């Protein structure tokens, strides 16, 4: 039984990693559905962590995060 469980967990992890790789190319309704399914199947505190992970994989939100992370010159002109 442990071998079947390990195989199932390995396949689920491989599928999850594939979804993460193509997250930004999925239609919004599919993203929403996948997110809700994942978030409701786990403890409540996973929602924020999952949102951060997936936002990093979405081209629009990733570009926004990168733009906001750019350092601004300090008040001394540096």
PDB file of N, CA and C in Angstrom:
ATOM      1  N   UNK A   1       0.807  -1.197   0.000  1.00  0.00           N
ATOM      2  CA  UNK A   1       0.000   0.000   0.000  1.00  0.00           C
ATOM      3  C   UNK A   1       0.854   1.266   0.000  1.00  0.00           C
ATOM      4  N   UNK A   2       1.982   1.257   0.714  1.00  0.00           N
ATOM      5  CA  UNK A   2       2.855   2.429   0.745  1.00  0.00           C
ATOM      6  C   UNK A   2       3.378   2.774  -0.639  1.00  0.00           C
ATOM      7  N   UNK A   3       3.669   1.755  -1.441  1.00  0.00           N
ATOM      8  CA  UNK A   3       4.175   2.004  -2.794  1.00  0.00           C
ATOM      9  C   UNK A   3       3.121   2.692  -3.652  1.00  0.00           C
ATOM     10  N   UNK A   4       1.873   2.278  -3.508  1.00  0.00           N
ATOM     11  CA  UNK A   4       0.783   2.910  -4.263  1.00  0.00           C
ATOM     12  C   UNK A   4       0.618   4.366  -3.824  1.00  0.00           C
ATOM     13  N   UNK A   5       0.682   4.604  -2.510  1.00  0.00           N
ATOM     14  CA  UNK A   5       0.558   5.977  -2.003  1.00  0.00           C
ATOM     15  C   UNK A   5       1.718   6.840  -2.485  1.00  0.00           C
ATOM     16  N   UNK A   6       2.936   6.311  -2.457  1.00  0.00           N
ATOM     17  CA  UNK A   6       4.102   7.063  -2.924  1.00  0.00           C
ATOM     18  C   UNK A   6       3.994   7.368  -4.414  1.00  0.00           C
ATOM     19  N   UNK A   7       3.520   6.406  -5.199  1.00  0.00           N
ATOM     20  CA  UNK A   7       3.340   6.631  -6.634  1.00  0.00           C
ATOM     21  C   UNK A   7       2.284   7.704  -6.868  1.00  0.00           C
ATOM     22  N   UNK A   8       1.200   7.643  -6.128  1.00  0.00           N
ATOM     23  CA  UNK A   8       0.136   8.631  -6.259  1.00  0.00           C
ATOM     24  C   UNK A   8       0.638  10.020  -5.901  1.00  0.00           C
ATOM     25  N   UNK A   9       1.393  10.127  -4.816  1.00  0.00           N
ATOM     26  CA  UNK A   9       1.943  11.418  -4.408  1.00  0.00           C
ATOM     27  C   UNK A   9       2.935  11.942  -5.440  1.00  0.00           C
ATOM     28  N   UNK A  10       3.740  11.056  -6.015  1.00  0.00           N
ATOM     29  CA  UNK A  10       4.707  11.450  -7.048  1.00  0.00           C
ATOM     30  C   UNK A  10       3.981  11.980  -8.284  1.00  0.00           C
ATOM     31  N   UNK A  11       2.920  11.297  -8.699  1.00  0.00           N
ATOM     32  CA  UNK A  11       2.145  11.732  -9.865  1.00  0.00           C
ATOM     33  C   UNK A  11       1.431  13.054  -9.598  1.00  0.00           C
ATOM     34  N   UNK A  12       0.881  13.205  -8.403  1.00  0.00           N
ATOM     35  CA  UNK A  12       0.212  14.457  -8.047  1.00  0.00           C
ATOM     36  C   UNK A  12       1.208  15.614  -8.035  1.00  0.00           C
ATOM     37  N   UNK A  13       2.401  15.378  -7.516  1.00  0.00           N
ATOM     38  CA  UNK A  13       3.436  16.411  -7.493  1.00  0.00           C
ATOM     39  C   UNK A  13       3.860  16.791  -8.911  1.00  0.00           C
ATOM     40  N   UNK A  14       4.023  15.778  -9.792  1.00  0.00           N
ATOM     41  CA  UNK A  14       4.398  16.041 -11.187  1.00  0.00           C
ATOM     42  C   UNK A  14       3.312  16.853 -11.891  1.00  0.00           C
ATOM     43  N   UNK A  15       2.056  16.510 -11.645  1.00  0.00           N
ATOM     44  CA  UNK A  15       0.948  17.254 -12.250  1.00  0.00           C
ATOM     45  C   UNK A  15       0.895  18.679 -11.719  1.00  0.00           C
ATOM     46  N   UNK A  16       1.076  18.836 -10.416  1.00  0.00           N
ATOM     47  CA  UNK A  16       1.079  20.165  -9.822  1.00  0.00           C
ATOM     48  C   UNK A  16       2.201  21.034 -10.370  1.00  0.00           C
ATOM     49  N   UNK A  17       3.378  20.457 -10.529  1.00  0.00           N
ATOM     50  CA  UNK A  17       4.504  21.211 -11.081  1.00  0.00           C
ATOM     51  C   UNK A  17       4.243  21.602 -12.530  1.00  0.00           C
ATOM     52  N   UNK A  18       3.583  20.746 -13.289  1.00  0.00           N
ATOM     53  CA  UNK A  18       3.237  21.077 -14.675  1.00  0.00           C
ATOM     54  C   UNK A  18       2.245  22.233 -14.722  1.00  0.00           C
ATOM     55  N   UNK A  19       1.272  22.212 -13.838  1.00  0.00           N
ATOM     56  CA  UNK A  19       0.281  23.300 -13.781  1.00  0.00           C
ATOM     57  C   UNK A  19       0.972  24.613 -13.440  1.00  0.00           C
ATOM     58  N   UNK A  20       1.902  24.581 -12.498  1.00  0.00           N
ATOM     59  CA  UNK A  20       2.622  25.798 -12.121  1.00  0.00           C
ATOM     60  C   UNK A  20       3.402  26.346 -13.307  1.00  0.00           C
ATOM     61  N   UNK A  21       4.033  25.468 -14.080  1.00  0.00           N
ATOM     62  CA  UNK A  21       4.829  25.925 -15.224  1.00  0.00           C
ATOM     63  C   UNK A  21       3.990  26.629 -16.277  1.00  0.00           C
ATOM     64  N   UNK A  22       2.731  26.227 -16.460  1.00  0.00           N
ATOM     65  CA  UNK A  22       1.893  26.835 -17.506  1.00  0.00           C
ATOM     66  C   UNK A  22       0.824  27.755 -16.934  1.00  0.00           C
ATOM     67  N   UNK A  23       0.896  28.052 -15.660  1.00  0.00           N
ATOM     68  CA  UNK A  23      -0.137  28.827 -14.974  1.00  0.00           C
ATOM     69  C   UNK A  23      -0.519  30.102 -15.715  1.00  0.00           C
ATOM     70  N   UNK A  24       0.441  30.866 -16.150  1.00  0.00           N
ATOM     71  CA  UNK A  24       0.175  32.140 -16.805  1.00  0.00           C
ATOM     72  C   UNK A  24      -0.510  32.007 -18.148  1.00  0.00           C
ATOM     73  N   UNK A  25      -0.485  30.831 -18.741  1.00  0.00           N
ATOM     74  CA  UNK A  25      -1.135  30.618 -20.038  1.00  0.00           C
ATOM     75  C   UNK A  25      -2.533  30.016 -19.910  1.00  0.00           C
ATOM     76  N   UNK A  26      -2.929  29.677 -18.707  1.00  0.00           N
ATOM     77  CA  UNK A  26      -4.264  29.103 -18.497  1.00  0.00           C
ATOM     78  C   UNK A  26      -5.310  30.208 -18.485  1.00  0.00           C
ATOM     79  N   UNK A  27      -6.514  29.916 -18.988  1.00  0.00           N
ATOM     80  CA  UNK A  27      -7.598  30.900 -18.910  1.00  0.00           C
ATOM     81  C   UNK A  27      -7.910  31.231 -17.444  1.00  0.00           C
ATOM     82  N   UNK A  28      -8.368  32.445 -17.225  1.00  0.00           N
ATOM     83  CA  UNK A  28      -8.639  32.910 -15.864  1.00  0.00           C
ATOM     84  C   UNK A  28      -9.610  31.999 -15.118  1.00  0.00           C
ATOM     85  N   UNK A  29     -10.658  31.540 -15.792  1.00  0.00           N
ATOM     86  CA  UNK A  29     -11.637  30.696 -15.096  1.00  0.00           C
ATOM     87  C   UNK A  29     -11.025  29.365 -14.669  1.00  0.00           C
ATOM     88  N   UNK A  30     -10.091  28.835 -15.456  1.00  0.00           N
ATOM     89  CA  UNK A  30      -9.401  27.590 -15.093  1.00  0.00           C
ATOM     90  C   UNK A  30      -8.466  27.866 -13.918  1.00  0.00           C
ATOM     91  N   UNK A  31      -7.748  28.998 -13.955  1.00  0.00           N
ATOM     92  CA  UNK A  31      -6.886  29.364 -12.840  1.00  0.00           C
ATOM     93  C   UNK A  31      -7.703  29.463 -11.549  1.00  0.00           C
ATOM     94  N   UNK A  32      -8.836  30.157 -11.630  1.00  0.00           N
ATOM     95  CA  UNK A  32      -9.676  30.350 -10.448  1.00  0.00           C
ATOM     96  C   UNK A  32     -10.159  29.005  -9.899  1.00  0.00           C
ATOM     97  N   UNK A  33     -10.625  28.151 -10.782  1.00  0.00           N
ATOM     98  CA  UNK A  33     -11.131  26.848 -10.355  1.00  0.00           C
ATOM     99  C   UNK A  33     -10.032  26.000  -9.710  1.00  0.00           C
ATOM    100  N   UNK A  34      -8.873  25.954 -10.335  1.00  0.00           N
ATOM    101  CA  UNK A  34      -7.752  25.193  -9.777  1.00  0.00           C
ATOM    102  C   UNK A  34      -7.329  25.759  -8.421  1.00  0.00           C
ATOM    103  N   UNK A  35      -7.243  27.085  -8.337  1.00  0.00           N
ATOM    104  CA  UNK A  35      -6.858  27.719  -7.080  1.00  0.00           C
ATOM    105  C   UNK A  35      -7.842  27.369  -5.971  1.00  0.00           C
ATOM    106  N   UNK A  36      -9.124  27.506  -6.252  1.00  0.00           N
ATOM    107  CA  UNK A  36     -10.140  27.219  -5.230  1.00  0.00           C
ATOM    108  C   UNK A  36     -10.102  25.756  -4.801  1.00  0.00           C
ATOM    109  N   UNK A  37      -9.934  24.856  -5.754  1.00  0.00           N
ATOM    110  CA  UNK A  37      -9.859  23.433  -5.414  1.00  0.00           C
ATOM    111  C   UNK A  37      -8.649  23.149  -4.524  1.00  0.00           C
ATOM    112  N   UNK A  38      -7.524  23.731  -4.875  1.00  0.00           N
ATOM    113  CA  UNK A  38      -6.305  23.511  -4.088  1.00  0.00           C
ATOM    114  C   UNK A  38      -6.420  24.148  -2.710  1.00  0.00           C
ATOM    115  N   UNK A  39      -6.944  25.364  -2.668  1.00  0.00           N
ATOM    116  CA  UNK A  39      -7.013  26.102  -1.406  1.00  0.00           C
ATOM    117  C   UNK A  39      -8.019  25.484  -0.444  1.00  0.00           C
ATOM    118  N   UNK A  40      -9.127  24.982  -0.945  1.00  0.00           N
ATOM    119  CA  UNK A  40     -10.142  24.419  -0.046  1.00  0.00           C
ATOM    120  C   UNK A  40      -9.815  22.998   0.378  1.00  0.00           C
ATOM    121  N   UNK A  41      -8.890  22.353  -0.330  1.00  0.00           N
ATOM    122  CA  UNK A  41      -8.537  20.990   0.052  1.00  0.00           C
ATOM    123  C   UNK A  41      -7.441  20.969   1.114  1.00  0.00           C
ATOM    124  N   UNK A  42      -6.933  22.132   1.479  1.00  0.00           N
ATOM    125  CA  UNK A  42      -5.846  22.241   2.455  1.00  0.00           C
ATOM    126  C   UNK A  42      -6.276  23.124   3.620  1.00  0.00           C
ATOM    127  N   UNK A  43      -5.373  23.292   4.541  1.00  0.00           N
ATOM    128  CA  UNK A  43      -5.638  24.179   5.684  1.00  0.00           C
ATOM    129  C   UNK A  43      -5.820  25.616   5.191  1.00  0.00           C
ATOM    130  N   UNK A  44      -6.529  26.413   5.938  1.00  0.00           N
ATOM    131  CA  UNK A  44      -6.871  27.781   5.536  1.00  0.00           C
ATOM    132  C   UNK A  44      -5.639  28.652   5.297  1.00  0.00           C
ATOM    133  N   UNK A  45      -4.567  28.436   6.021  1.00  0.00           N
ATOM    134  CA  UNK A  45      -3.393  29.298   5.887  1.00  0.00           C
ATOM    135  C   UNK A  45      -2.635  29.098   4.579  1.00  0.00           C
ATOM    136  N   UNK A  46      -3.023  28.127   3.775  1.00  0.00           N
ATOM    137  CA  UNK A  46      -2.321  27.881   2.520  1.00  0.00           C
ATOM    138  C   UNK A  46      -2.753  28.845   1.417  1.00  0.00           C
ATOM    139  N   UNK A  47      -3.908  29.473   1.536  1.00  0.00           N
ATOM    140  CA  UNK A  47      -4.407  30.368   0.480  1.00  0.00           C
ATOM    141  C   UNK A  47      -3.408  31.467   0.122  1.00  0.00           C
ATOM    142  N   UNK A  48      -2.896  32.147   1.125  1.00  0.00           N
ATOM    143  CA  UNK A  48      -1.958  33.244   0.868  1.00  0.00           C
ATOM    144  C   UNK A  48      -0.665  32.720   0.248  1.00  0.00           C
ATOM    145  N   UNK A  49      -0.152  31.636   0.770  1.00  0.00           N
ATOM    146  CA  UNK A  49       1.082  31.061   0.234  1.00  0.00           C
ATOM    147  C   UNK A  49       0.892  30.616  -1.207  1.00  0.00           C
ATOM    148  N   UNK A  50      -0.233  29.994  -1.487  1.00  0.00           N
ATOM    149  CA  UNK A  50      -0.536  29.535  -2.837  1.00  0.00           C
ATOM    150  C   UNK A  50      -0.691  30.721  -3.786  1.00  0.00           C
ATOM    151  N   UNK A  51      -1.352  31.766  -3.336  1.00  0.00           N
ATOM    152  CA  UNK A  51      -1.537  32.964  -4.165  1.00  0.00           C
ATOM    153  C   UNK A  51      -0.188  33.591  -4.520  1.00  0.00           C
ATOM    154  N   UNK A  52       0.706  33.685  -3.550  1.00  0.00           N
ATOM    155  CA  UNK A  52       2.032  34.256  -3.809  1.00  0.00           C
ATOM    156  C   UNK A  52       2.795  33.407  -4.817  1.00  0.00           C
ATOM    157  N   UNK A  53       2.781  32.103  -4.633  1.00  0.00           N
ATOM    158  CA  UNK A  53       3.478  31.203  -5.562  1.00  0.00           C
ATOM    159  C   UNK A  53       2.948  31.361  -6.980  1.00  0.00           C
ATOM    160  N   UNK A  54       1.640  31.375  -7.136  1.00  0.00           N
ATOM    161  CA  UNK A  54       1.050  31.432  -8.471  1.00  0.00           C
ATOM    162  C   UNK A  54       1.179  32.814  -9.099  1.00  0.00           C
ATOM    163  N   UNK A  55       1.128  33.865  -8.304  1.00  0.00           N
ATOM    164  CA  UNK A  55       1.311  35.214  -8.858  1.00  0.00           C
ATOM    165  C   UNK A  55       2.704  35.354  -9.461  1.00  0.00           C
ATOM    166  N   UNK A  56       3.684  34.679  -8.870  1.00  0.00           N
ATOM    167  CA  UNK A  56       5.042  34.712  -9.418  1.00  0.00           C
ATOM    168  C   UNK A  56       5.125  34.023 -10.773  1.00  0.00           C
ATOM    169  N   UNK A  57       4.151  33.178 -11.089  1.00  0.00           N
ATOM    170  CA  UNK A  57       4.168  32.423 -12.341  1.00  0.00           C
ATOM    171  C   UNK A  57       3.285  33.040 -13.415  1.00  0.00           C
ATOM    172  N   UNK A  58       2.621  34.130 -13.099  1.00  0.00           N
ATOM    173  CA  UNK A  58       1.722  34.762 -14.059  1.00  0.00           C
ATOM    174  C   UNK A  58       2.424  35.968 -14.667  1.00  0.00           C
ATOM    175  N   UNK A  59       2.537  36.032 -15.984  1.00  0.00           N
ATOM    176  CA  UNK A  59       3.308  37.115 -16.620  1.00  0.00           C
ATOM    177  C   UNK A  59       2.894  38.516 -16.203  1.00  0.00           C
ATOM    178  N   UNK A  60       1.596  38.794 -16.108  1.00  0.00           N
ATOM    179  CA  UNK A  60       1.155  40.149 -15.738  1.00  0.00           C
ATOM    180  C   UNK A  60       1.521  40.468 -14.304  1.00  0.00           C
ATOM    181  N   UNK A  61       1.220  39.565 -13.398  1.00  0.00           N
ATOM    182  CA  UNK A  61       1.505  39.853 -12.001  1.00  0.00           C
ATOM    183  C   UNK A  61       3.000  39.802 -11.723  1.00  0.00           C
ATOM    184  N   UNK A  62       3.718  38.941 -12.399  1.00  0.00           N
ATOM    185  CA  UNK A  62       5.161  38.871 -12.204  1.00  0.00           C
ATOM    186  C   UNK A  62       5.805  40.171 -12.667  1.00  0.00           C
ATOM    187  N   UNK A  63       5.367  40.687 -13.816  1.00  0.00           N
ATOM    188  CA  UNK A  63       5.910  41.950 -14.320  1.00  0.00           C
ATOM    189  C   UNK A  63       5.592  43.085 -13.346  1.00  0.00           C
ATOM    190  N   UNK A  64       4.407  43.066 -12.781  1.00  0.00           N
ATOM    191  CA  UNK A  64       4.020  44.089 -11.812  1.00  0.00           C
ATOM    192  C   UNK A  64       4.881  44.001 -10.560  1.00  0.00           C
ATOM    193  N   UNK A  65       5.108  42.801 -10.083  1.00  0.00           N
ATOM    194  CA  UNK A  65       5.944  42.609  -8.893  1.00  0.00           C
ATOM    195  C   UNK A  65       7.362  43.098  -9.177  1.00  0.00           C
ATOM    196  N   UNK A  66       7.890  42.762 -10.349  1.00  0.00           N
ATOM    197  CA  UNK A  66       9.242  43.184 -10.725  1.00  0.00           C
ATOM    198  C   UNK A  66       9.322  44.705 -10.793  1.00  0.00           C
ATOM    199  N   UNK A  67       8.322  45.341 -11.373  1.00  0.00           N
ATOM    200  CA  UNK A  67       8.331  46.803 -11.498  1.00  0.00           C
ATOM    201  C   UNK A  67       8.294  47.463 -10.123  1.00  0.00           C
ATOM    202  N   UNK A  68       7.494  46.903  -9.235  1.00  0.00           N
ATOM    203  CA  UNK A  68       7.388  47.473  -7.891  1.00  0.00           C
ATOM    204  C   UNK A  68       8.648  47.231  -7.068  1.00  0.00           C
ATOM    205  N   UNK A  69       9.403  46.221  -7.416  1.00  0.00           N
ATOM    206  CA  UNK A  69      10.607  45.870  -6.667  1.00  0.00           C
ATOM    207  C   UNK A  69      11.825  46.685  -7.106  1.00  0.00           C
ATOM    208  N   UNK A  70      11.702  47.444  -8.186  1.00  0.00           N
ATOM    209  CA  UNK A  70      12.825  48.246  -8.667  1.00  0.00           C
ATOM    210  C   UNK A  70      13.170  49.313  -7.627  1.00  0.00           C
ATOM    211  N   UNK A  71      14.428  49.458  -7.380  1.00  0.00           N
ATOM    212  CA  UNK A  71      14.867  50.432  -6.403  1.00  0.00           C
ATOM    213  C   UNK A  71      14.688  51.843  -6.959  1.00  0.00           C
ATOM    214  N   UNK A  72      14.216  52.711  -6.107  1.00  0.00           N
ATOM    215  CA  UNK A  72      14.065  54.109  -6.479  1.00  0.00           C
ATOM    216  C   UNK A  72      15.238  54.886  -5.909  1.00  0.00           C
ATOM    217  N   UNK A  73      15.655  55.929  -6.594  1.00  0.00           N
ATOM    218  CA  UNK A  73      16.759  56.733  -6.075  1.00  0.00           C
ATOM    219  C   UNK A  73      16.390  57.338  -4.723  1.00  0.00           C
ATOM    220  N   UNK A  74      17.376  57.449  -3.858  1.00  0.00           N
ATOM    221  CA  UNK A  74      17.070  58.044  -2.551  1.00  0.00           C
ATOM    222  C   UNK A  74      16.977  59.565  -2.673  1.00  0.00           C
ATOM    223  N   UNK A  75      16.609  60.190  -1.605  1.00  0.00           N
ATOM    224  CA  UNK A  75      16.368  61.620  -1.638  1.00  0.00           C
ATOM    225  C   UNK A  75      17.654  62.443  -1.864  1.00  0.00           C
ATOM    226  N   UNK A  76      18.791  61.793  -1.744  1.00  0.00           N
ATOM    227  CA  UNK A  76      20.059  62.498  -1.953  1.00  0.00           C
ATOM    228  C   UNK A  76      20.533  62.395  -3.395  1.00  0.00           C
ATOM    229  N   UNK A  77      19.683  61.834  -4.250  1.00  0.00           N
ATOM    230  CA  UNK A  77      20.041  61.722  -5.666  1.00  0.00           C
ATOM    231  C   UNK A  77      20.945  60.548  -5.983  1.00  0.00           C
ATOM    232  N   UNK A  78      20.991  59.543  -5.096  1.00  0.00           N
ATOM    233  CA  UNK A  78      21.887  58.405  -5.263  1.00  0.00           C
ATOM    234  C   UNK A  78      21.353  57.277  -5.998  1.00  0.00           C
TER     235      UNK A  78
END
